[in-house]
Amino acid sequence: NQLVDGRFSESIMLRLALFATRAHGMPRLLAPQRAFAEGGRAAVVAKWKALFKSADLDGSGFLDRQEVKKVLAAQSVDKPSDAEVEACMAQADKNGDGKVDLDEFVHLLSAAKAK
């Protein structure tokens, strides 16, 4: 239920994809071709930033484990396991600082989209 062959499990990918599509009424967030057509690059960047801000509950500019856990939990009736949260953090936290910044967040959701 976590990383499989270095990739997220279906459960994590589904939760991330649901978060990206439901947050702030942005159903087309995971369809960049449409998003670019609906306001250009600036609009897409604004949507990603708004999505990140909605997940950054303490306003620190980073997502910690608890905030990532809440993002995952909000997308399912099943509470994410600690292993799922750790797998998500391991995949997202590219610089190893224990936090997810905006760039890492975008890459994480892009990985969910690619799945």
N, C-alpha and C. Protein backbone atom coordinates (compact mmCIF):
# COMPACT_ATOMS: atom_id res chain seq x y z
N ASN A 1 0.82 -1.21 0.00
CA ASN A 1 0.00 0.00 0.00
C ASN A 1 0.85 1.25 0.00
N GLN A 2 2.14 1.11 -0.30
CA GLN A 2 2.99 2.28 -0.35
C GLN A 2 3.72 2.32 -1.69
N LEU A 3 5.05 2.29 -1.68
CA LEU A 3 5.78 2.30 -2.94
C LEU A 3 5.85 0.88 -3.51
N VAL A 4 5.60 0.76 -4.78
CA VAL A 4 5.72 -0.50 -5.47
C VAL A 4 6.68 -0.27 -6.62
N ASP A 5 7.82 -0.97 -6.58
CA ASP A 5 8.86 -0.77 -7.59
C ASP A 5 9.23 0.70 -7.73
N GLY A 6 9.35 1.39 -6.58
CA GLY A 6 9.73 2.80 -6.60
C GLY A 6 8.63 3.75 -7.01
N ARG A 7 7.41 3.26 -7.17
CA ARG A 7 6.28 4.10 -7.57
C ARG A 7 5.20 4.02 -6.49
N PHE A 8 4.34 5.01 -6.49
CA PHE A 8 3.24 5.02 -5.53
C PHE A 8 2.26 3.89 -5.80
N SER A 9 1.60 3.45 -4.73
CA SER A 9 0.54 2.47 -4.88
C SER A 9 -0.67 3.15 -5.53
N GLU A 10 -1.59 2.34 -6.01
CA GLU A 10 -2.82 2.86 -6.61
C GLU A 10 -3.58 3.74 -5.61
N SER A 11 -3.59 3.33 -4.35
CA SER A 11 -4.32 4.06 -3.32
C SER A 11 -3.80 5.49 -3.17
N ILE A 12 -2.49 5.64 -3.08
CA ILE A 12 -1.91 6.98 -2.93
C ILE A 12 -2.15 7.80 -4.20
N MET A 13 -1.95 7.19 -5.35
CA MET A 13 -2.12 7.92 -6.61
C MET A 13 -3.56 8.41 -6.76
N LEU A 14 -4.52 7.57 -6.39
CA LEU A 14 -5.91 7.97 -6.48
C LEU A 14 -6.21 9.12 -5.54
N ARG A 15 -5.71 9.05 -4.33
CA ARG A 15 -5.94 10.13 -3.36
C ARG A 15 -5.35 11.46 -3.84
N LEU A 16 -4.13 11.41 -4.38
CA LEU A 16 -3.51 12.64 -4.87
C LEU A 16 -4.26 13.20 -6.08
N ALA A 17 -4.66 12.32 -6.96
CA ALA A 17 -5.41 12.77 -8.14
C ALA A 17 -6.75 13.38 -7.73
N LEU A 18 -7.42 12.76 -6.77
CA LEU A 18 -8.69 13.31 -6.29
C LEU A 18 -8.49 14.67 -5.64
N PHE A 19 -7.43 14.81 -4.85
CA PHE A 19 -7.15 16.10 -4.22
C PHE A 19 -6.95 17.18 -5.28
N ALA A 20 -6.17 16.86 -6.28
CA ALA A 20 -5.87 17.85 -7.31
C ALA A 20 -7.09 18.22 -8.12
N THR A 21 -8.02 17.29 -8.31
CA THR A 21 -9.18 17.60 -9.13
C THR A 21 -10.32 18.22 -8.34
N ARG A 22 -10.39 17.97 -7.04
CA ARG A 22 -11.50 18.48 -6.24
C ARG A 22 -11.23 19.82 -5.58
N ALA A 23 -10.00 20.09 -5.25
CA ALA A 23 -9.67 21.28 -4.46
C ALA A 23 -10.07 22.56 -5.19
N HIS A 24 -10.71 23.42 -4.47
CA HIS A 24 -11.09 24.75 -4.96
C HIS A 24 -11.89 24.71 -6.25
N GLY A 25 -12.63 23.66 -6.48
CA GLY A 25 -13.46 23.59 -7.67
C GLY A 25 -12.65 23.63 -8.95
N MET A 26 -11.50 22.99 -8.96
CA MET A 26 -10.63 22.99 -10.13
C MET A 26 -10.64 21.63 -10.80
N PRO A 27 -11.74 21.25 -11.41
CA PRO A 27 -11.82 19.90 -11.98
C PRO A 27 -10.88 19.66 -13.14
N ARG A 28 -10.35 20.70 -13.73
CA ARG A 28 -9.48 20.51 -14.89
C ARG A 28 -8.01 20.67 -14.55
N LEU A 29 -7.68 20.72 -13.26
CA LEU A 29 -6.31 20.96 -12.85
C LEU A 29 -5.35 19.93 -13.40
N LEU A 30 -5.79 18.69 -13.51
CA LEU A 30 -4.91 17.65 -14.02
C LEU A 30 -4.98 17.51 -15.53
N ALA A 31 -5.61 18.44 -16.19
CA ALA A 31 -5.66 18.43 -17.65
C ALA A 31 -5.03 19.73 -18.15
N PRO A 32 -3.68 19.80 -18.15
CA PRO A 32 -3.01 21.05 -18.49
C PRO A 32 -3.39 21.62 -19.85
N GLN A 33 -3.67 20.76 -20.83
CA GLN A 33 -4.03 21.29 -22.13
C GLN A 33 -5.27 22.16 -22.04
N ARG A 34 -6.21 21.80 -21.20
CA ARG A 34 -7.40 22.62 -21.01
C ARG A 34 -7.07 23.85 -20.18
N ALA A 35 -6.31 23.64 -19.12
CA ALA A 35 -5.99 24.75 -18.22
C ALA A 35 -5.25 25.86 -18.98
N PHE A 36 -4.33 25.49 -19.83
CA PHE A 36 -3.60 26.51 -20.59
C PHE A 36 -4.56 27.27 -21.51
N ALA A 37 -5.54 26.58 -22.02
CA ALA A 37 -6.51 27.22 -22.91
C ALA A 37 -7.47 28.13 -22.14
N GLU A 38 -7.54 27.97 -20.84
CA GLU A 38 -8.48 28.72 -20.03
C GLU A 38 -7.76 29.77 -19.18
N GLY A 39 -6.90 30.55 -19.77
CA GLY A 39 -6.26 31.62 -19.03
C GLY A 39 -4.75 31.66 -19.16
N GLY A 40 -4.19 30.72 -19.87
CA GLY A 40 -2.76 30.73 -20.10
C GLY A 40 -1.95 30.25 -18.92
N ARG A 41 -0.65 30.34 -19.08
CA ARG A 41 0.30 29.84 -18.08
C ARG A 41 0.11 30.48 -16.72
N ALA A 42 -0.13 31.78 -16.67
CA ALA A 42 -0.31 32.47 -15.40
C ALA A 42 -1.49 31.89 -14.61
N ALA A 43 -2.55 31.52 -15.31
CA ALA A 43 -3.72 30.94 -14.65
C ALA A 43 -3.39 29.56 -14.08
N VAL A 44 -2.61 28.78 -14.80
CA VAL A 44 -2.22 27.45 -14.33
C VAL A 44 -1.35 27.58 -13.09
N VAL A 45 -0.38 28.48 -13.13
CA VAL A 45 0.50 28.70 -11.98
C VAL A 45 -0.33 29.16 -10.78
N ALA A 46 -1.27 30.05 -10.99
CA ALA A 46 -2.13 30.52 -9.90
C ALA A 46 -2.94 29.37 -9.30
N LYS A 47 -3.43 28.46 -10.14
CA LYS A 47 -4.20 27.32 -9.63
C LYS A 47 -3.34 26.39 -8.79
N TRP A 48 -2.11 26.10 -9.26
CA TRP A 48 -1.21 25.24 -8.49
C TRP A 48 -0.89 25.89 -7.15
N LYS A 49 -0.64 27.20 -7.16
CA LYS A 49 -0.32 27.90 -5.91
C LYS A 49 -1.51 27.89 -4.95
N ALA A 50 -2.71 28.08 -5.46
CA ALA A 50 -3.91 28.05 -4.62
C ALA A 50 -4.11 26.66 -4.02
N LEU A 51 -3.87 25.64 -4.80
CA LEU A 51 -4.00 24.27 -4.33
C LEU A 51 -2.98 24.00 -3.22
N PHE A 52 -1.75 24.43 -3.43
CA PHE A 52 -0.71 24.26 -2.42
C PHE A 52 -1.07 25.01 -1.15
N LYS A 53 -1.53 26.24 -1.31
CA LYS A 53 -1.90 27.06 -0.15
C LYS A 53 -3.02 26.40 0.65
N SER A 54 -3.97 25.76 -0.03
CA SER A 54 -5.06 25.09 0.68
C SER A 54 -4.55 23.90 1.50
N ALA A 55 -3.47 23.29 1.07
CA ALA A 55 -2.89 22.16 1.79
C ALA A 55 -1.94 22.62 2.90
N ASP A 56 -1.38 23.82 2.76
CA ASP A 56 -0.43 24.36 3.73
C ASP A 56 -1.20 25.01 4.89
N LEU A 57 -1.67 24.18 5.80
CA LEU A 57 -2.58 24.63 6.85
C LEU A 57 -1.96 25.64 7.81
N ASP A 58 -0.66 25.55 8.05
CA ASP A 58 -0.03 26.48 8.99
C ASP A 58 0.59 27.70 8.31
N GLY A 59 0.48 27.78 6.98
CA GLY A 59 0.98 28.93 6.25
C GLY A 59 2.49 29.06 6.23
N SER A 60 3.20 27.97 6.46
CA SER A 60 4.67 28.01 6.53
C SER A 60 5.34 28.08 5.16
N GLY A 61 4.59 27.78 4.11
CA GLY A 61 5.20 27.72 2.78
C GLY A 61 5.72 26.34 2.45
N PHE A 62 5.50 25.39 3.36
CA PHE A 62 5.91 24.00 3.18
C PHE A 62 4.81 23.10 3.69
N LEU A 63 4.77 21.87 3.19
CA LEU A 63 3.87 20.86 3.72
C LEU A 63 4.69 19.90 4.57
N ASP A 64 4.26 19.71 5.81
CA ASP A 64 4.92 18.72 6.65
C ASP A 64 4.14 17.40 6.58
N ARG A 65 4.59 16.41 7.31
CA ARG A 65 3.95 15.09 7.27
C ARG A 65 2.47 15.16 7.64
N GLN A 66 2.15 15.94 8.65
CA GLN A 66 0.76 16.03 9.09
C GLN A 66 -0.13 16.65 8.01
N GLU A 67 0.37 17.65 7.32
CA GLU A 67 -0.41 18.29 6.24
C GLU A 67 -0.57 17.33 5.06
N VAL A 68 0.47 16.59 4.73
CA VAL A 68 0.36 15.59 3.66
C VAL A 68 -0.64 14.51 4.07
N LYS A 69 -0.60 14.11 5.33
CA LYS A 69 -1.53 13.10 5.82
C LYS A 69 -2.97 13.60 5.70
N LYS A 70 -3.20 14.87 6.01
CA LYS A 70 -4.55 15.44 5.91
C LYS A 70 -5.02 15.50 4.46
N VAL A 71 -4.10 15.82 3.55
CA VAL A 71 -4.45 15.84 2.12
C VAL A 71 -4.90 14.44 1.69
N LEU A 72 -4.12 13.43 2.06
CA LEU A 72 -4.45 12.07 1.68
C LEU A 72 -5.74 11.61 2.35
N ALA A 73 -5.92 11.95 3.63
CA ALA A 73 -7.09 11.51 4.37
C ALA A 73 -8.37 12.14 3.84
N ALA A 74 -8.30 13.36 3.36
CA ALA A 74 -9.49 14.07 2.88
C ALA A 74 -10.05 13.46 1.60
N GLN A 75 -9.28 12.61 0.95
CA GLN A 75 -9.70 12.07 -0.34
C GLN A 75 -10.26 10.66 -0.24
N SER A 76 -10.40 10.14 0.97
CA SER A 76 -10.86 8.76 1.12
C SER A 76 -11.50 8.59 2.48
N VAL A 77 -12.35 7.61 2.59
CA VAL A 77 -12.93 7.28 3.89
C VAL A 77 -11.91 6.54 4.75
N ASP A 78 -10.93 5.93 4.11
CA ASP A 78 -9.88 5.23 4.83
C ASP A 78 -8.77 6.20 5.22
N LYS A 79 -8.37 6.14 6.46
CA LYS A 79 -7.28 6.97 6.94
C LYS A 79 -5.97 6.44 6.35
N PRO A 80 -5.10 7.32 5.82
CA PRO A 80 -3.84 6.82 5.28
C PRO A 80 -2.96 6.26 6.38
N SER A 81 -2.27 5.20 6.08
CA SER A 81 -1.35 4.61 7.06
C SER A 81 -0.11 5.49 7.16
N ASP A 82 0.62 5.32 8.24
CA ASP A 82 1.89 6.05 8.39
C ASP A 82 2.84 5.68 7.26
N ALA A 83 2.79 4.42 6.83
CA ALA A 83 3.65 3.98 5.73
C ALA A 83 3.30 4.69 4.43
N GLU A 84 2.00 4.91 4.17
CA GLU A 84 1.59 5.64 2.97
C GLU A 84 2.06 7.09 3.02
N VAL A 85 1.93 7.71 4.19
CA VAL A 85 2.38 9.09 4.33
C VAL A 85 3.90 9.17 4.13
N GLU A 86 4.62 8.24 4.73
CA GLU A 86 6.08 8.23 4.58
C GLU A 86 6.48 8.00 3.12
N ALA A 87 5.77 7.11 2.43
CA ALA A 87 6.06 6.86 1.01
C ALA A 87 5.81 8.11 0.19
N CYS A 88 4.74 8.81 0.51
CA CYS A 88 4.40 10.04 -0.20
C CYS A 88 5.48 11.09 0.05
N MET A 89 5.90 11.23 1.31
CA MET A 89 6.94 12.20 1.65
C MET A 89 8.26 11.84 0.95
N ALA A 90 8.60 10.55 0.96
CA ALA A 90 9.85 10.11 0.34
C ALA A 90 9.86 10.43 -1.15
N GLN A 91 8.72 10.25 -1.79
CA GLN A 91 8.62 10.54 -3.23
C GLN A 91 8.67 12.04 -3.50
N ALA A 92 8.03 12.81 -2.65
CA ALA A 92 7.89 14.25 -2.90
C ALA A 92 9.10 15.06 -2.47
N ASP A 93 9.69 14.72 -1.34
CA ASP A 93 10.75 15.54 -0.73
C ASP A 93 12.09 15.30 -1.42
N LYS A 94 12.26 15.94 -2.56
CA LYS A 94 13.44 15.71 -3.39
C LYS A 94 14.73 16.21 -2.75
N ASN A 95 14.67 17.28 -1.95
CA ASN A 95 15.90 17.81 -1.36
C ASN A 95 16.17 17.26 0.04
N GLY A 96 15.29 16.39 0.55
CA GLY A 96 15.53 15.70 1.80
C GLY A 96 15.45 16.54 3.06
N ASP A 97 14.73 17.68 2.99
CA ASP A 97 14.65 18.55 4.16
C ASP A 97 13.48 18.20 5.08
N GLY A 98 12.71 17.16 4.75
CA GLY A 98 11.60 16.73 5.59
C GLY A 98 10.33 17.52 5.36
N LYS A 99 10.32 18.38 4.33
CA LYS A 99 9.16 19.20 4.00
C LYS A 99 8.94 19.15 2.50
N VAL A 100 7.73 19.49 2.08
CA VAL A 100 7.40 19.54 0.66
C VAL A 100 7.16 21.00 0.29
N ASP A 101 7.98 21.54 -0.61
CA ASP A 101 7.77 22.92 -1.06
C ASP A 101 6.87 22.92 -2.30
N LEU A 102 6.58 24.09 -2.81
CA LEU A 102 5.66 24.20 -3.95
C LEU A 102 6.15 23.41 -5.16
N ASP A 103 7.42 23.52 -5.51
CA ASP A 103 7.94 22.79 -6.67
C ASP A 103 7.81 21.28 -6.47
N GLU A 104 8.15 20.81 -5.28
CA GLU A 104 8.04 19.38 -5.00
C GLU A 104 6.58 18.93 -5.05
N PHE A 105 5.68 19.79 -4.58
CA PHE A 105 4.25 19.51 -4.59
C PHE A 105 3.75 19.35 -6.02
N VAL A 106 4.15 20.26 -6.89
CA VAL A 106 3.74 20.18 -8.30
C VAL A 106 4.25 18.89 -8.93
N HIS A 107 5.49 18.52 -8.64
CA HIS A 107 6.03 17.27 -9.18
C HIS A 107 5.27 16.06 -8.64
N LEU A 108 4.90 16.12 -7.38
CA LEU A 108 4.14 15.02 -6.76
C LEU A 108 2.79 14.84 -7.47
N LEU A 109 2.07 15.92 -7.67
CA LEU A 109 0.77 15.83 -8.34
C LEU A 109 0.93 15.46 -9.81
N SER A 110 2.01 15.90 -10.42
CA SER A 110 2.27 15.52 -11.82
C SER A 110 2.50 14.02 -11.91
N ALA A 111 3.17 13.44 -10.90
CA ALA A 111 3.38 11.99 -10.87
C ALA A 111 2.05 11.27 -10.73
N ALA A 112 1.15 11.84 -9.93
CA ALA A 112 -0.18 11.25 -9.78
C ALA A 112 -0.94 11.30 -11.10
N LYS A 113 -0.80 12.40 -11.81
CA LYS A 113 -1.46 12.56 -13.10
C LYS A 113 -0.93 11.56 -14.12
N ALA A 114 0.37 11.33 -14.10
CA ALA A 114 1.00 10.44 -15.07
C ALA A 114 0.61 8.98 -14.85
N LYS A 115 0.20 8.67 -13.65
CA LYS A 115 -0.18 7.29 -13.31
C LYS A 115 -1.39 6.88 -14.01
